[in-house]
Amino acid sequence: MAKKAWAQAFKRVMHEARMRFDADAVSVPADQRQHRARFGVYYFSEPQKDTTP
């Protein structure tokens, strides 16, 4: 489930980032395009401990 949610979010974020990147490529001088972004989702899984008496 987490992988599916990440894939959907990544697709949406990358689409928005690509549109902004392309717009900046034609309207912002190259020396002013020095920013980066990193997108990630982290999840952790381990077996659930049995706490029943």
PDB file of N, CA and C in Angstrom:
ATOM      1  N   MET A   1       0.818  -1.191   0.000  1.00  0.00           N
ATOM      2  CA  MET A   1       0.000   0.000   0.000  1.00  0.00           C
ATOM      3  C   MET A   1       0.867   1.262   0.000  1.00  0.00           C
ATOM      4  N   ALA A   2       1.929   1.266   0.793  1.00  0.00           N
ATOM      5  CA  ALA A   2       2.812   2.426   0.858  1.00  0.00           C
ATOM      6  C   ALA A   2       3.499   2.659  -0.485  1.00  0.00           C
ATOM      7  N   LYS A   3       3.911   1.585  -1.152  1.00  0.00           N
ATOM      8  CA  LYS A   3       4.577   1.742  -2.448  1.00  0.00           C
ATOM      9  C   LYS A   3       3.631   2.336  -3.480  1.00  0.00           C
ATOM     10  N   LYS A   4       2.378   1.920  -3.453  1.00  0.00           N
ATOM     11  CA  LYS A   4       1.397   2.451  -4.393  1.00  0.00           C
ATOM     12  C   LYS A   4       1.154   3.937  -4.125  1.00  0.00           C
ATOM     13  N   ALA A   5       1.022   4.304  -2.858  1.00  0.00           N
ATOM     14  CA  ALA A   5       0.813   5.707  -2.499  1.00  0.00           C
ATOM     15  C   ALA A   5       2.004   6.549  -2.928  1.00  0.00           C
ATOM     16  N   TRP A   6       3.218   6.029  -2.710  1.00  0.00           N
ATOM     17  CA  TRP A   6       4.420   6.748  -3.119  1.00  0.00           C
ATOM     18  C   TRP A   6       4.440   6.941  -4.632  1.00  0.00           C
ATOM     19  N   ALA A   7       4.134   5.900  -5.381  1.00  0.00           N
ATOM     20  CA  ALA A   7       4.165   5.985  -6.845  1.00  0.00           C
ATOM     21  C   ALA A   7       3.192   7.045  -7.348  1.00  0.00           C
ATOM     22  N   GLN A   8       2.012   7.099  -6.768  1.00  0.00           N
ATOM     23  CA  GLN A   8       1.025   8.095  -7.179  1.00  0.00           C
ATOM     24  C   GLN A   8       1.502   9.504  -6.841  1.00  0.00           C
ATOM     25  N   ALA A   9       2.016   9.681  -5.639  1.00  0.00           N
ATOM     26  CA  ALA A   9       2.498  10.995  -5.218  1.00  0.00           C
ATOM     27  C   ALA A   9       3.699  11.420  -6.051  1.00  0.00           C
ATOM     28  N   PHE A  10       4.608  10.497  -6.316  1.00  0.00           N
ATOM     29  CA  PHE A  10       5.803  10.799  -7.104  1.00  0.00           C
ATOM     30  C   PHE A  10       5.411  11.246  -8.507  1.00  0.00           C
ATOM     31  N   LYS A  11       4.477  10.557  -9.111  1.00  0.00           N
ATOM     32  CA  LYS A  11       4.032  10.911 -10.461  1.00  0.00           C
ATOM     33  C   LYS A  11       3.483  12.335 -10.489  1.00  0.00           C
ATOM     34  N   ARG A  12       2.668  12.668  -9.502  1.00  0.00           N
ATOM     35  CA  ARG A  12       2.078  14.011  -9.447  1.00  0.00           C
ATOM     36  C   ARG A  12       3.151  15.075  -9.200  1.00  0.00           C
ATOM     37  N   VAL A  13       4.036  14.824  -8.252  1.00  0.00           N
ATOM     38  CA  VAL A  13       5.084  15.797  -7.928  1.00  0.00           C
ATOM     39  C   VAL A  13       6.011  15.997  -9.123  1.00  0.00           C
ATOM     40  N   MET A  14       6.399  14.912  -9.777  1.00  0.00           N
ATOM     41  CA  MET A  14       7.300  15.034 -10.921  1.00  0.00           C
ATOM     42  C   MET A  14       6.636  15.772 -12.086  1.00  0.00           C
ATOM     43  N   HIS A  15       5.358  15.580 -12.275  1.00  0.00           N
ATOM     44  CA  HIS A  15       4.645  16.310 -13.321  1.00  0.00           C
ATOM     45  C   HIS A  15       4.703  17.816 -13.046  1.00  0.00           C
ATOM     46  N   GLU A  16       4.409  18.199 -11.810  1.00  0.00           N
ATOM     47  CA  GLU A  16       4.463  19.617 -11.439  1.00  0.00           C
ATOM     48  C   GLU A  16       5.875  20.168 -11.561  1.00  0.00           C
ATOM     49  N   ALA A  17       6.852  19.393 -11.107  1.00  0.00           N
ATOM     50  CA  ALA A  17       8.250  19.836 -11.175  1.00  0.00           C
ATOM     51  C   ALA A  17       8.686  20.017 -12.625  1.00  0.00           C
ATOM     52  N   ARG A  18       8.306  19.099 -13.487  1.00  0.00           N
ATOM     53  CA  ARG A  18       8.688  19.198 -14.903  1.00  0.00           C
ATOM     54  C   ARG A  18       8.066  20.433 -15.548  1.00  0.00           C
ATOM     55  N   MET A  19       6.818  20.728 -15.237  1.00  0.00           N
ATOM     56  CA  MET A  19       6.183  21.922 -15.801  1.00  0.00           C
ATOM     57  C   MET A  19       6.914  23.187 -15.350  1.00  0.00           C
ATOM     58  N   ARG A  20       7.277  23.250 -14.078  1.00  0.00           N
ATOM     59  CA  ARG A  20       7.987  24.427 -13.573  1.00  0.00           C
ATOM     60  C   ARG A  20       9.393  24.512 -14.145  1.00  0.00           C
ATOM     61  N   PHE A  21      10.065  23.371 -14.252  1.00  0.00           N
ATOM     62  CA  PHE A  21      11.412  23.339 -14.829  1.00  0.00           C
ATOM     63  C   PHE A  21      11.387  23.864 -16.259  1.00  0.00           C
ATOM     64  N   ASP A  22      10.445  23.364 -17.045  1.00  0.00           N
ATOM     65  CA  ASP A  22      10.339  23.783 -18.440  1.00  0.00           C
ATOM     66  C   ASP A  22      10.017  25.270 -18.559  1.00  0.00           C
ATOM     67  N   ALA A  23       9.131  25.769 -17.691  1.00  0.00           N
ATOM     68  CA  ALA A  23       8.799  27.197 -17.716  1.00  0.00           C
ATOM     69  C   ALA A  23      10.013  28.033 -17.343  1.00  0.00           C
ATOM     70  N   ASP A  24      10.754  27.617 -16.336  1.00  0.00           N
ATOM     71  CA  ASP A  24      11.954  28.351 -15.929  1.00  0.00           C
ATOM     72  C   ASP A  24      13.021  28.324 -17.021  1.00  0.00           C
ATOM     73  N   ALA A  25      13.096  27.235 -17.757  1.00  0.00           N
ATOM     74  CA  ALA A  25      14.122  27.102 -18.798  1.00  0.00           C
ATOM     75  C   ALA A  25      13.977  28.171 -19.875  1.00  0.00           C
ATOM     76  N   VAL A  26      12.757  28.675 -20.078  1.00  0.00           N
ATOM     77  CA  VAL A  26      12.560  29.696 -21.106  1.00  0.00           C
ATOM     78  C   VAL A  26      12.432  31.108 -20.533  1.00  0.00           C
ATOM     79  N   SER A  27      12.259  31.237 -19.224  1.00  0.00           N
ATOM     80  CA  SER A  27      12.017  32.579 -18.682  1.00  0.00           C
ATOM     81  C   SER A  27      13.003  33.019 -17.603  1.00  0.00           C
ATOM     82  N   VAL A  28      13.883  32.140 -17.166  1.00  0.00           N
ATOM     83  CA  VAL A  28      14.835  32.486 -16.097  1.00  0.00           C
ATOM     84  C   VAL A  28      16.254  32.236 -16.614  1.00  0.00           C
ATOM     85  N   PRO A  29      17.146  33.202 -16.457  1.00  0.00           N
ATOM     86  CA  PRO A  29      18.525  33.002 -16.908  1.00  0.00           C
ATOM     87  C   PRO A  29      19.168  31.785 -16.230  1.00  0.00           C
ATOM     88  N   ALA A  30      20.027  31.103 -16.963  1.00  0.00           N
ATOM     89  CA  ALA A  30      20.647  29.865 -16.470  1.00  0.00           C
ATOM     90  C   ALA A  30      21.375  30.065 -15.140  1.00  0.00           C
ATOM     91  N   ASP A  31      22.025  31.210 -14.950  1.00  0.00           N
ATOM     92  CA  ASP A  31      22.772  31.428 -13.704  1.00  0.00           C
ATOM     93  C   ASP A  31      21.856  31.591 -12.492  1.00  0.00           C
ATOM     94  N   GLN A  32      20.561  31.777 -12.726  1.00  0.00           N
ATOM     95  CA  GLN A  32      19.602  31.888 -11.628  1.00  0.00           C
ATOM     96  C   GLN A  32      18.839  30.587 -11.384  1.00  0.00           C
ATOM     97  N   ARG A  33      19.125  29.560 -12.155  1.00  0.00           N
ATOM     98  CA  ARG A  33      18.455  28.259 -11.995  1.00  0.00           C
ATOM     99  C   ARG A  33      19.409  27.298 -11.286  1.00  0.00           C
ATOM    100  N   GLN A  34      19.601  27.512 -10.001  1.00  0.00           N
ATOM    101  CA  GLN A  34      20.585  26.745  -9.241  1.00  0.00           C
ATOM    102  C   GLN A  34      19.975  25.936  -8.102  1.00  0.00           C
ATOM    103  N   HIS A  35      18.680  25.716  -8.107  1.00  0.00           N
ATOM    104  CA  HIS A  35      18.023  25.016  -7.010  1.00  0.00           C
ATOM    105  C   HIS A  35      17.702  23.575  -7.375  1.00  0.00           C
ATOM    106  N   ARG A  36      17.677  22.739  -6.368  1.00  0.00           N
ATOM    107  CA  ARG A  36      17.292  21.345  -6.522  1.00  0.00           C
ATOM    108  C   ARG A  36      16.240  21.004  -5.483  1.00  0.00           C
ATOM    109  N   ALA A  37      15.556  19.935  -5.726  1.00  0.00           N
ATOM    110  CA  ALA A  37      14.603  19.425  -4.747  1.00  0.00           C
ATOM    111  C   ALA A  37      14.720  17.913  -4.714  1.00  0.00           C
ATOM    112  N   ARG A  38      14.482  17.346  -3.579  1.00  0.00           N
ATOM    113  CA  ARG A  38      14.480  15.889  -3.442  1.00  0.00           C
ATOM    114  C   ARG A  38      13.138  15.487  -2.855  1.00  0.00           C
ATOM    115  N   PHE A  39      12.542  14.491  -3.468  1.00  0.00           N
ATOM    116  CA  PHE A  39      11.239  14.018  -3.007  1.00  0.00           C
ATOM    117  C   PHE A  39      11.378  12.554  -2.623  1.00  0.00           C
ATOM    118  N   GLY A  40      10.928  12.229  -1.441  1.00  0.00           N
ATOM    119  CA  GLY A  40      10.997  10.837  -1.010  1.00  0.00           C
ATOM    120  C   GLY A  40       9.942  10.547   0.039  1.00  0.00           C
ATOM    121  N   VAL A  41       9.617   9.311   0.128  1.00  0.00           N
ATOM    122  CA  VAL A  41       8.689   8.838   1.143  1.00  0.00           C
ATOM    123  C   VAL A  41       9.373   7.667   1.830  1.00  0.00           C
ATOM    124  N   TYR A  42       9.398   7.708   3.115  1.00  0.00           N
ATOM    125  CA  TYR A  42      10.073   6.656   3.870  1.00  0.00           C
ATOM    126  C   TYR A  42       9.052   5.880   4.682  1.00  0.00           C
ATOM    127  N   TYR A  43       9.196   4.598   4.694  1.00  0.00           N
ATOM    128  CA  TYR A  43       8.302   3.766   5.479  1.00  0.00           C
ATOM    129  C   TYR A  43       9.103   2.616   6.080  1.00  0.00           C
ATOM    130  N   PHE A  44       8.617   2.110   7.174  1.00  0.00           N
ATOM    131  CA  PHE A  44       9.300   1.053   7.914  1.00  0.00           C
ATOM    132  C   PHE A  44       8.273   0.012   8.302  1.00  0.00           C
ATOM    133  N   SER A  45       8.662  -1.226   8.235  1.00  0.00           N
ATOM    134  CA  SER A  45       7.748  -2.304   8.587  1.00  0.00           C
ATOM    135  C   SER A  45       8.499  -3.351   9.392  1.00  0.00           C
ATOM    136  N   GLU A  46       7.847  -3.859  10.410  1.00  0.00           N
ATOM    137  CA  GLU A  46       8.402  -4.975  11.178  1.00  0.00           C
ATOM    138  C   GLU A  46       7.243  -5.812  11.697  1.00  0.00           C
ATOM    139  N   PRO A  47       7.497  -7.043  12.004  1.00  0.00           N
ATOM    140  CA  PRO A  47       6.410  -7.887  12.516  1.00  0.00           C
ATOM    141  C   PRO A  47       5.822  -7.289  13.793  1.00  0.00           C
ATOM    142  N   GLN A  48       4.516  -7.383  13.922  1.00  0.00           N
ATOM    143  CA  GLN A  48       3.847  -6.886  15.107  1.00  0.00           C
ATOM    144  C   GLN A  48       4.045  -7.885  16.237  1.00  0.00           C
ATOM    145  N   LYS A  49       4.397  -7.396  17.410  1.00  0.00           N
ATOM    146  CA  LYS A  49       4.614  -8.247  18.571  1.00  0.00           C
ATOM    147  C   LYS A  49       3.277  -8.662  19.168  1.00  0.00           C
ATOM    148  N   ASP A  50       3.174  -9.898  19.526  1.00  0.00           N
ATOM    149  CA  ASP A  50       1.962 -10.415  20.171  1.00  0.00           C
ATOM    150  C   ASP A  50       1.989  -9.999  21.633  1.00  0.00           C
ATOM    151  N   THR A  51       1.017  -9.199  22.044  1.00  0.00           N
ATOM    152  CA  THR A  51       0.962  -8.717  23.427  1.00  0.00           C
ATOM    153  C   THR A  51      -0.175  -9.340  24.210  1.00  0.00           C
ATOM    154  N   THR A  52      -0.786 -10.370  23.677  1.00  0.00           N
ATOM    155  CA  THR A  52      -1.877 -11.017  24.413  1.00  0.00           C
ATOM    156  C   THR A  52      -1.313 -11.867  25.547  1.00  0.00           C
ATOM    157  N   PRO A  53      -1.974 -11.863  26.730  1.00  0.00           N
ATOM    158  CA  PRO A  53      -1.465 -12.648  27.868  1.00  0.00           C
ATOM    159  C   PRO A  53      -1.624 -14.144  27.698  1.00  0.00           C
TER     160      PRO A  53
END
